[in-house]
Amino acid sequence: MAEGINWRTTTASQNLSPQEITPQAASELFASCDRNAGRYSPLGLFYLKEGAQYIGIDNSSGNAWTEEFSDLAACLMWLREGACPPFGG
């Protein structure tokens, strides 16, 4: 079940397992950009389902890298290992 993000998480090491989040939580993450440093928070690995696709968000470094996938397994593999091609790839 998708949940909101634990906004008290401040380090990636506290949040290395991919967490399912809601579209609202993803919007909050993208709105959190520190305009001076260009970083997003909280740090961690996140994914959500939108329609027939999965969106992976790798924010382990604060850069919020985002990719689309056609299945959950590929999305989780990319988040954990960076080893899968994105949606349609």
Protein backbone atom coordinates (compact mmCIF):
# COMPACT_ATOMS: atom_id res chain seq x y z
CA MET A 1 0.00 0.00 0.00
CA ALA A 2 1.35 3.40 -0.97
CA GLU A 3 2.06 5.74 1.88
CA GLY A 4 3.34 9.25 2.28
CA ILE A 5 7.02 9.91 2.76
CA ASN A 6 8.55 10.08 6.21
CA TRP A 7 9.66 13.71 5.94
CA ARG A 8 11.81 13.38 9.06
CA THR A 9 14.23 11.13 7.18
CA THR A 10 17.38 13.15 6.61
CA THR A 11 19.94 10.66 5.33
CA ALA A 12 19.88 8.15 2.50
CA SER A 13 21.27 5.43 4.77
CA GLN A 14 18.02 5.55 6.74
CA ASN A 15 16.00 4.97 3.57
CA LEU A 16 17.88 2.65 1.16
CA SER A 17 14.98 0.29 0.52
CA PRO A 18 12.59 1.50 -2.18
CA GLN A 19 9.37 2.84 -0.67
CA GLU A 20 6.05 3.03 -2.48
CA ILE A 21 4.62 6.54 -2.28
CA THR A 22 1.45 8.26 -3.42
CA PRO A 23 1.28 10.74 -6.31
CA GLN A 24 0.70 13.44 -3.67
CA ALA A 25 3.91 12.46 -1.83
CA ALA A 26 5.83 12.51 -5.14
CA SER A 27 4.51 16.02 -5.83
CA GLU A 28 5.66 17.11 -2.38
CA LEU A 29 9.11 15.64 -3.00
CA PHE A 30 9.46 17.53 -6.30
CA ALA A 31 8.20 20.73 -4.66
CA SER A 32 10.85 20.43 -1.93
CA CYS A 33 13.71 21.60 -4.14
CA ASP A 34 16.13 23.89 -2.33
CA ARG A 35 16.54 26.54 -5.00
CA ASN A 36 20.02 27.51 -3.74
CA ALA A 37 21.54 24.03 -3.70
CA GLY A 38 19.16 22.38 -6.19
CA ARG A 39 18.53 19.41 -3.89
CA TYR A 40 15.31 17.58 -3.05
CA SER A 41 14.29 15.96 0.22
CA PRO A 42 13.81 13.54 1.80
CA LEU A 43 16.68 11.43 0.55
CA GLY A 44 15.86 7.87 -0.45
CA LEU A 45 14.49 5.56 -3.13
CA PHE A 46 10.81 5.85 -4.06
CA TYR A 47 8.31 4.53 -6.60
CA LEU A 48 4.68 5.01 -7.48
CA LYS A 49 2.18 3.57 -9.93
CA GLU A 50 0.62 5.91 -12.47
CA GLY A 51 -1.80 4.26 -14.84
CA ALA A 52 -0.10 1.24 -16.42
CA GLN A 53 3.44 2.37 -15.60
CA TYR A 54 5.69 2.68 -12.58
CA ILE A 55 7.73 5.77 -11.82
CA GLY A 56 11.03 5.28 -10.00
CA ILE A 57 12.56 8.22 -8.11
CA ASP A 58 16.18 7.84 -7.02
CA ASN A 59 16.68 10.67 -4.57
CA SER A 60 19.55 9.01 -2.72
CA SER A 61 21.80 11.97 -3.62
CA GLY A 62 19.16 14.72 -3.54
CA ASN A 63 19.01 14.93 -7.35
CA ALA A 64 15.64 13.15 -7.76
CA TRP A 65 16.55 11.07 -10.85
CA THR A 66 13.29 9.80 -12.33
CA GLU A 67 12.54 7.00 -14.80
CA GLU A 68 9.36 5.35 -16.12
CA PHE A 69 8.96 1.56 -16.33
CA SER A 70 6.35 -0.82 -17.71
CA ASP A 71 6.64 -3.18 -14.73
CA LEU A 72 7.40 -3.04 -11.04
CA ALA A 73 10.30 -5.54 -11.16
CA ALA A 74 12.27 -3.40 -13.62
CA CYS A 75 11.55 -0.28 -11.59
CA LEU A 76 12.77 -1.86 -8.36
CA MET A 77 15.87 -3.25 -10.05
CA TRP A 78 16.74 0.21 -11.38
CA LEU A 79 16.25 1.73 -7.94
CA ARG A 80 18.37 -0.91 -6.22
CA GLU A 81 21.06 -1.43 -8.85
CA GLY A 82 20.63 1.08 -11.67
CA ALA A 83 20.68 -1.94 -13.99
CA CYS A 84 17.43 -1.81 -16.00
CA PRO A 85 16.47 0.15 -19.09
CA PRO A 86 13.64 2.68 -18.60
CA PHE A 87 10.11 2.32 -19.99
CA GLY A 88 10.17 1.38 -23.66
CA GLY A 89 13.92 0.78 -23.58
